[in-house]
Amino acid sequence: MPKMQSHASPDAFVAAQYGWRRPVVEALRAAVLAAVPFEEGIKWGNLVFHSNGFCVLIHAEEHRILLGFLRGKRLVEMEPRIKPSGKYELGNWTFRENDAVDAAQVTALAARAAALNAELGDPTAIN
């Protein structure tokens, strides 16, 4: 399993991307940040966005980029390309080379994910 690269900042995360991945990560980041005033950071080598708790992440690999929503299982009706998986109702939308980013859809999903956190609380909090 390849070691995750640690980045000093969200800007460093974006700057470390190359080839087809860079414009996709830039577009995803801009679309997420257009939704609500997220707190942006780095966690587990990913670009993460918080609003009332952990909300959205961007994970970049060699051959794919994952746009993850911690309440993604609740967003599948809005976007059927989100595949539910893992803990915290996680759902991921996978992007590969030549996939287009629908910025308006990403922004709408990020806004809905933030609204769900506002309504339900931090999905990673112990209840």
N, C-alpha and C. Protein backbone atom coordinates (compact mmCIF):
# COMPACT_ATOMS: atom_id res chain seq x y z
N MET A 1 0.85 -1.17 0.00
CA MET A 1 0.00 0.00 0.00
C MET A 1 0.90 1.24 0.00
N PRO A 2 0.68 2.20 -0.95
CA PRO A 2 1.53 3.37 -0.99
C PRO A 2 1.31 4.27 0.21
N LYS A 3 2.41 4.90 0.66
CA LYS A 3 2.35 5.80 1.79
C LYS A 3 1.66 7.10 1.36
N MET A 4 0.74 7.59 2.23
CA MET A 4 0.07 8.86 1.95
C MET A 4 1.04 10.01 2.16
N GLN A 5 1.01 10.95 1.23
CA GLN A 5 1.86 12.12 1.35
C GLN A 5 1.18 13.13 2.27
N SER A 6 1.96 13.70 3.18
CA SER A 6 1.44 14.73 4.07
C SER A 6 1.69 16.09 3.42
N HIS A 7 0.72 16.95 3.51
CA HIS A 7 0.82 18.29 2.92
C HIS A 7 0.70 19.31 4.03
N ALA A 8 1.46 20.39 3.92
CA ALA A 8 1.48 21.42 4.95
C ALA A 8 0.21 22.26 4.97
N SER A 9 -0.49 22.33 3.84
CA SER A 9 -1.67 23.19 3.75
C SER A 9 -2.54 22.73 2.58
N PRO A 10 -3.77 23.23 2.53
CA PRO A 10 -4.61 22.94 1.36
C PRO A 10 -3.97 23.40 0.05
N ASP A 11 -3.33 24.56 0.06
CA ASP A 11 -2.65 25.02 -1.16
C ASP A 11 -1.53 24.07 -1.56
N ALA A 12 -0.80 23.53 -0.59
CA ALA A 12 0.27 22.57 -0.88
C ALA A 12 -0.30 21.28 -1.45
N PHE A 13 -1.48 20.86 -0.95
CA PHE A 13 -2.14 19.68 -1.48
C PHE A 13 -2.43 19.87 -2.97
N VAL A 14 -3.00 21.01 -3.32
CA VAL A 14 -3.32 21.30 -4.73
C VAL A 14 -2.04 21.38 -5.55
N ALA A 15 -1.04 22.07 -5.03
CA ALA A 15 0.22 22.24 -5.77
C ALA A 15 0.93 20.91 -6.04
N ALA A 16 0.70 19.91 -5.18
CA ALA A 16 1.34 18.61 -5.35
C ALA A 16 0.70 17.77 -6.45
N GLN A 17 -0.47 18.17 -6.92
CA GLN A 17 -1.16 17.41 -7.98
C GLN A 17 -0.51 17.73 -9.32
N TYR A 18 -0.54 16.78 -10.23
CA TYR A 18 0.06 17.00 -11.55
C TYR A 18 -0.78 16.29 -12.61
N GLY A 19 -0.50 16.66 -13.84
CA GLY A 19 -1.22 16.05 -14.97
C GLY A 19 -2.70 16.37 -14.90
N TRP A 20 -3.52 15.41 -15.27
CA TRP A 20 -4.98 15.59 -15.32
C TRP A 20 -5.58 15.86 -13.95
N ARG A 21 -4.90 15.41 -12.88
CA ARG A 21 -5.46 15.54 -11.54
C ARG A 21 -5.53 16.98 -11.06
N ARG A 22 -4.56 17.80 -11.42
CA ARG A 22 -4.52 19.18 -10.90
C ARG A 22 -5.77 19.97 -11.24
N PRO A 23 -6.18 20.07 -12.52
CA PRO A 23 -7.38 20.85 -12.82
C PRO A 23 -8.65 20.25 -12.20
N VAL A 24 -8.70 18.93 -12.04
CA VAL A 24 -9.87 18.32 -11.41
C VAL A 24 -9.92 18.70 -9.93
N VAL A 25 -8.80 18.58 -9.22
CA VAL A 25 -8.75 18.96 -7.81
C VAL A 25 -9.07 20.44 -7.65
N GLU A 26 -8.52 21.28 -8.51
CA GLU A 26 -8.81 22.72 -8.43
C GLU A 26 -10.30 23.00 -8.62
N ALA A 27 -10.91 22.34 -9.59
CA ALA A 27 -12.34 22.55 -9.85
C ALA A 27 -13.20 22.04 -8.70
N LEU A 28 -12.87 20.87 -8.17
CA LEU A 28 -13.62 20.33 -7.04
C LEU A 28 -13.50 21.24 -5.82
N ARG A 29 -12.29 21.68 -5.53
CA ARG A 29 -12.06 22.55 -4.37
C ARG A 29 -12.85 23.85 -4.51
N ALA A 30 -12.78 24.47 -5.67
CA ALA A 30 -13.50 25.73 -5.89
C ALA A 30 -15.01 25.53 -5.75
N ALA A 31 -15.52 24.42 -6.27
CA ALA A 31 -16.95 24.16 -6.20
C ALA A 31 -17.40 23.91 -4.77
N VAL A 32 -16.62 23.18 -4.00
CA VAL A 32 -16.96 22.94 -2.60
C VAL A 32 -16.93 24.26 -1.83
N LEU A 33 -15.88 25.04 -2.01
CA LEU A 33 -15.75 26.30 -1.27
C LEU A 33 -16.82 27.33 -1.66
N ALA A 34 -17.43 27.16 -2.82
CA ALA A 34 -18.51 28.07 -3.25
C ALA A 34 -19.82 27.78 -2.51
N ALA A 35 -19.90 26.63 -1.84
CA ALA A 35 -21.16 26.20 -1.21
C ALA A 35 -21.46 26.96 0.08
N VAL A 36 -20.55 26.90 1.02
CA VAL A 36 -20.70 27.53 2.34
C VAL A 36 -19.31 27.91 2.83
N PRO A 37 -19.20 28.70 3.89
CA PRO A 37 -17.86 29.03 4.39
C PRO A 37 -17.24 27.87 5.18
N PHE A 38 -16.77 26.87 4.47
CA PHE A 38 -16.12 25.71 5.09
C PHE A 38 -14.80 26.11 5.73
N GLU A 39 -14.43 25.39 6.78
CA GLU A 39 -13.06 25.42 7.30
C GLU A 39 -12.32 24.33 6.52
N GLU A 40 -11.20 24.71 5.93
CA GLU A 40 -10.46 23.81 5.06
C GLU A 40 -9.18 23.36 5.77
N GLY A 41 -8.79 22.11 5.58
CA GLY A 41 -7.57 21.62 6.20
C GLY A 41 -7.08 20.35 5.54
N ILE A 42 -6.09 19.74 6.18
CA ILE A 42 -5.50 18.49 5.72
C ILE A 42 -5.66 17.46 6.84
N LYS A 43 -6.15 16.28 6.49
CA LYS A 43 -6.27 15.19 7.46
C LYS A 43 -6.08 13.88 6.71
N TRP A 44 -5.25 13.02 7.25
CA TRP A 44 -4.94 11.72 6.64
C TRP A 44 -4.47 11.86 5.20
N GLY A 45 -3.77 12.94 4.88
CA GLY A 45 -3.27 13.16 3.53
C GLY A 45 -4.32 13.65 2.55
N ASN A 46 -5.52 13.98 3.05
CA ASN A 46 -6.62 14.43 2.20
C ASN A 46 -6.91 15.91 2.44
N LEU A 47 -7.50 16.53 1.45
CA LEU A 47 -8.02 17.88 1.60
C LEU A 47 -9.41 17.73 2.21
N VAL A 48 -9.64 18.34 3.39
CA VAL A 48 -10.90 18.16 4.09
C VAL A 48 -11.59 19.49 4.34
N PHE A 49 -12.91 19.41 4.45
CA PHE A 49 -13.76 20.58 4.64
C PHE A 49 -14.70 20.31 5.80
N HIS A 50 -14.73 21.26 6.76
CA HIS A 50 -15.56 21.13 7.96
C HIS A 50 -16.63 22.22 7.98
N SER A 51 -17.82 21.83 8.37
CA SER A 51 -18.92 22.74 8.65
C SER A 51 -19.80 22.00 9.65
N ASN A 52 -19.80 22.45 10.90
CA ASN A 52 -20.47 21.72 11.97
C ASN A 52 -19.95 20.29 12.04
N GLY A 53 -18.66 20.13 11.84
CA GLY A 53 -18.02 18.82 11.85
C GLY A 53 -17.47 18.46 10.47
N PHE A 54 -16.85 17.32 10.41
CA PHE A 54 -16.24 16.80 9.18
C PHE A 54 -17.34 16.60 8.15
N CYS A 55 -17.15 17.14 6.95
CA CYS A 55 -18.24 17.18 5.98
C CYS A 55 -17.86 16.60 4.61
N VAL A 56 -16.77 17.10 4.01
CA VAL A 56 -16.39 16.74 2.64
C VAL A 56 -14.88 16.50 2.61
N LEU A 57 -14.44 15.63 1.71
CA LEU A 57 -13.00 15.43 1.51
C LEU A 57 -12.69 15.21 0.04
N ILE A 58 -11.46 15.55 -0.32
CA ILE A 58 -10.92 15.26 -1.64
C ILE A 58 -9.69 14.39 -1.43
N HIS A 59 -9.71 13.21 -2.02
CA HIS A 59 -8.62 12.24 -1.91
C HIS A 59 -8.08 11.99 -3.32
N ALA A 60 -6.80 12.25 -3.53
CA ALA A 60 -6.20 12.09 -4.86
C ALA A 60 -5.26 10.90 -4.88
N GLU A 61 -5.45 10.05 -5.86
CA GLU A 61 -4.58 8.90 -6.12
C GLU A 61 -4.05 9.01 -7.54
N GLU A 62 -3.19 8.10 -7.90
CA GLU A 62 -2.58 8.14 -9.24
C GLU A 62 -3.62 8.10 -10.36
N HIS A 63 -4.63 7.23 -10.24
CA HIS A 63 -5.57 7.02 -11.34
C HIS A 63 -7.00 7.43 -11.04
N ARG A 64 -7.22 8.04 -9.87
CA ARG A 64 -8.58 8.50 -9.56
C ARG A 64 -8.53 9.56 -8.47
N ILE A 65 -9.61 10.30 -8.41
CA ILE A 65 -9.81 11.29 -7.35
C ILE A 65 -11.17 10.98 -6.75
N LEU A 66 -11.23 10.93 -5.43
CA LEU A 66 -12.49 10.70 -4.74
C LEU A 66 -12.96 12.00 -4.12
N LEU A 67 -14.20 12.33 -4.36
CA LEU A 67 -14.88 13.42 -3.67
C LEU A 67 -15.79 12.72 -2.67
N GLY A 68 -15.42 12.80 -1.40
CA GLY A 68 -16.15 12.08 -0.37
C GLY A 68 -17.03 13.00 0.45
N PHE A 69 -18.20 12.49 0.77
CA PHE A 69 -19.15 13.21 1.63
C PHE A 69 -19.42 12.31 2.83
N LEU A 70 -19.21 12.83 4.04
CA LEU A 70 -19.44 12.00 5.21
C LEU A 70 -20.89 11.63 5.39
N ARG A 71 -21.79 12.39 4.83
CA ARG A 71 -23.21 12.02 4.82
C ARG A 71 -23.64 11.67 3.39
N GLY A 72 -22.73 11.08 2.63
CA GLY A 72 -22.96 10.78 1.23
C GLY A 72 -24.09 9.82 0.95
N LYS A 73 -24.35 8.89 1.88
CA LYS A 73 -25.46 7.95 1.68
C LYS A 73 -26.79 8.69 1.58
N ARG A 74 -26.86 9.86 2.19
CA ARG A 74 -28.08 10.68 2.13
C ARG A 74 -28.13 11.56 0.89
N LEU A 75 -27.06 11.56 0.10
CA LEU A 75 -26.97 12.42 -1.08
C LEU A 75 -27.15 11.65 -2.39
N VAL A 76 -27.29 10.34 -2.32
CA VAL A 76 -27.37 9.50 -3.52
C VAL A 76 -28.55 9.89 -4.41
N GLU A 77 -29.66 10.29 -3.80
CA GLU A 77 -30.82 10.71 -4.61
C GLU A 77 -30.51 11.95 -5.43
N MET A 78 -29.68 12.84 -4.89
CA MET A 78 -29.27 14.04 -5.62
C MET A 78 -28.24 13.72 -6.71
N GLU A 79 -27.39 12.72 -6.42
CA GLU A 79 -26.30 12.38 -7.34
C GLU A 79 -26.05 10.88 -7.31
N PRO A 80 -26.61 10.14 -8.29
CA PRO A 80 -26.47 8.68 -8.28
C PRO A 80 -25.04 8.18 -8.51
N ARG A 81 -24.12 9.05 -8.93
CA ARG A 81 -22.72 8.62 -9.08
C ARG A 81 -22.01 8.49 -7.73
N ILE A 82 -22.64 8.96 -6.65
CA ILE A 82 -22.08 8.77 -5.32
C ILE A 82 -22.32 7.32 -4.92
N LYS A 83 -21.25 6.65 -4.52
CA LYS A 83 -21.32 5.25 -4.10
C LYS A 83 -21.15 5.17 -2.59
N PRO A 84 -22.16 4.72 -1.86
CA PRO A 84 -22.06 4.59 -0.41
C PRO A 84 -20.98 3.59 -0.02
N SER A 85 -20.26 3.92 1.07
CA SER A 85 -19.25 3.00 1.58
C SER A 85 -18.77 3.46 2.95
N GLY A 86 -18.32 2.55 3.73
CA GLY A 86 -17.62 2.87 4.96
C GLY A 86 -18.49 3.44 6.07
N LYS A 87 -17.79 4.10 7.00
CA LYS A 87 -18.41 4.64 8.21
C LYS A 87 -19.03 6.01 7.96
N TYR A 88 -19.78 6.46 8.94
CA TYR A 88 -20.33 7.82 8.96
C TYR A 88 -21.22 8.12 7.77
N GLU A 89 -21.89 7.15 7.22
CA GLU A 89 -22.75 7.35 6.05
C GLU A 89 -21.94 7.83 4.85
N LEU A 90 -20.66 7.51 4.81
CA LEU A 90 -19.76 7.98 3.75
C LEU A 90 -20.25 7.57 2.37
N GLY A 91 -20.07 8.46 1.42
CA GLY A 91 -20.32 8.18 0.02
C GLY A 91 -19.28 8.90 -0.81
N ASN A 92 -18.79 8.25 -1.87
CA ASN A 92 -17.74 8.82 -2.72
C ASN A 92 -18.19 8.93 -4.16
N TRP A 93 -17.81 10.03 -4.79
CA TRP A 93 -17.98 10.23 -6.22
C TRP A 93 -16.59 10.14 -6.80
N THR A 94 -16.36 9.20 -7.69
CA THR A 94 -15.04 8.95 -8.26
C THR A 94 -14.87 9.68 -9.59
N PHE A 95 -13.73 10.35 -9.71
CA PHE A 95 -13.35 11.03 -10.96
C PHE A 95 -12.09 10.38 -11.50
N ARG A 96 -12.10 10.15 -12.80
CA ARG A 96 -10.93 9.60 -13.49
C ARG A 96 -10.56 10.55 -14.63
N GLU A 97 -9.43 10.29 -15.22
CA GLU A 97 -8.97 11.14 -16.33
C GLU A 97 -10.09 11.26 -17.38
N ASN A 98 -10.29 12.45 -17.87
CA ASN A 98 -11.29 12.80 -18.87
C ASN A 98 -12.72 12.91 -18.33
N ASP A 99 -12.92 12.72 -17.03
CA ASP A 99 -14.24 12.96 -16.44
C ASP A 99 -14.41 14.47 -16.24
N ALA A 100 -15.57 14.97 -16.58
CA ALA A 100 -15.86 16.40 -16.37
C ALA A 100 -16.35 16.62 -14.95
N VAL A 101 -16.03 17.79 -14.42
CA VAL A 101 -16.53 18.19 -13.10
C VAL A 101 -17.74 19.09 -13.33
N ASP A 102 -18.87 18.68 -12.80
CA ASP A 102 -20.08 19.50 -12.83
C ASP A 102 -20.05 20.38 -11.58
N ALA A 103 -19.46 21.57 -11.72
CA ALA A 103 -19.23 22.45 -10.57
C ALA A 103 -20.52 22.81 -9.85
N ALA A 104 -21.58 23.08 -10.59
CA ALA A 104 -22.85 23.44 -9.96
C ALA A 104 -23.38 22.28 -9.12
N GLN A 105 -23.25 21.06 -9.61
CA GLN A 105 -23.71 19.89 -8.86
C GLN A 105 -22.85 19.67 -7.62
N VAL A 106 -21.54 19.82 -7.75
CA VAL A 106 -20.65 19.66 -6.59
C VAL A 106 -20.99 20.70 -5.52
N THR A 107 -21.21 21.93 -5.94
CA THR A 107 -21.57 22.99 -5.00
C THR A 107 -22.89 22.67 -4.30
N ALA A 108 -23.88 22.21 -5.05
CA ALA A 108 -25.17 21.86 -4.45
C ALA A 108 -25.02 20.71 -3.45
N LEU A 109 -24.23 19.71 -3.79
CA LEU A 109 -24.01 18.59 -2.88
C LEU A 109 -23.29 19.02 -1.61
N ALA A 110 -22.26 19.87 -1.76
CA ALA A 110 -21.52 20.35 -0.60
C ALA A 110 -22.42 21.19 0.30
N ALA A 111 -23.28 22.00 -0.29
CA ALA A 111 -24.22 22.81 0.50
C ALA A 111 -25.19 21.91 1.25
N ARG A 112 -25.69 20.87 0.59
CA ARG A 112 -26.61 19.94 1.25
C ARG A 112 -25.91 19.17 2.35
N ALA A 113 -24.66 18.76 2.11
CA ALA A 113 -23.90 18.05 3.14
C ALA A 113 -23.70 18.94 4.36
N ALA A 114 -23.41 20.22 4.16
CA ALA A 114 -23.25 21.16 5.27
C ALA A 114 -24.57 21.35 6.00
N ALA A 115 -25.68 21.42 5.26
CA ALA A 115 -27.00 21.58 5.88
C ALA A 115 -27.34 20.35 6.73
N LEU A 116 -26.98 19.17 6.25
CA LEU A 116 -27.22 17.95 7.04
C LEU A 116 -26.41 17.98 8.33
N ASN A 117 -25.16 18.43 8.26
CA ASN A 117 -24.37 18.54 9.48
C ASN A 117 -24.97 19.57 10.43
N ALA A 118 -25.49 20.67 9.90
CA ALA A 118 -26.12 21.69 10.76
C ALA A 118 -27.35 21.10 11.45
N GLU A 119 -28.08 20.27 10.73
CA GLU A 119 -29.30 19.66 11.27
C GLU A 119 -29.00 18.51 12.23
N LEU A 120 -28.04 17.64 11.85
CA LEU A 120 -27.80 16.40 12.56
C LEU A 120 -26.56 16.40 13.44
N GLY A 121 -25.69 17.38 13.27
CA GLY A 121 -24.43 17.44 14.02
C GLY A 121 -23.28 16.76 13.29
N ASP A 122 -22.14 16.78 13.93
CA ASP A 122 -20.92 16.20 13.39
C ASP A 122 -21.10 14.69 13.23
N PRO A 123 -20.95 14.18 12.00
CA PRO A 123 -21.15 12.74 11.80
C PRO A 123 -20.10 11.87 12.49
N THR A 124 -18.98 12.46 12.90
CA THR A 124 -17.94 11.66 13.56
C THR A 124 -18.03 11.74 15.08
N ALA A 125 -18.99 12.52 15.61
CA ALA A 125 -19.14 12.64 17.07
C ALA A 125 -19.73 11.37 17.65
N ILE A 126 -19.27 11.00 18.80
CA ILE A 126 -19.81 9.83 19.48
C ILE A 126 -21.14 10.22 20.12
N ASN A 127 -22.18 9.49 19.80
CA ASN A 127 -23.52 9.80 20.34
C ASN A 127 -23.78 9.07 21.63
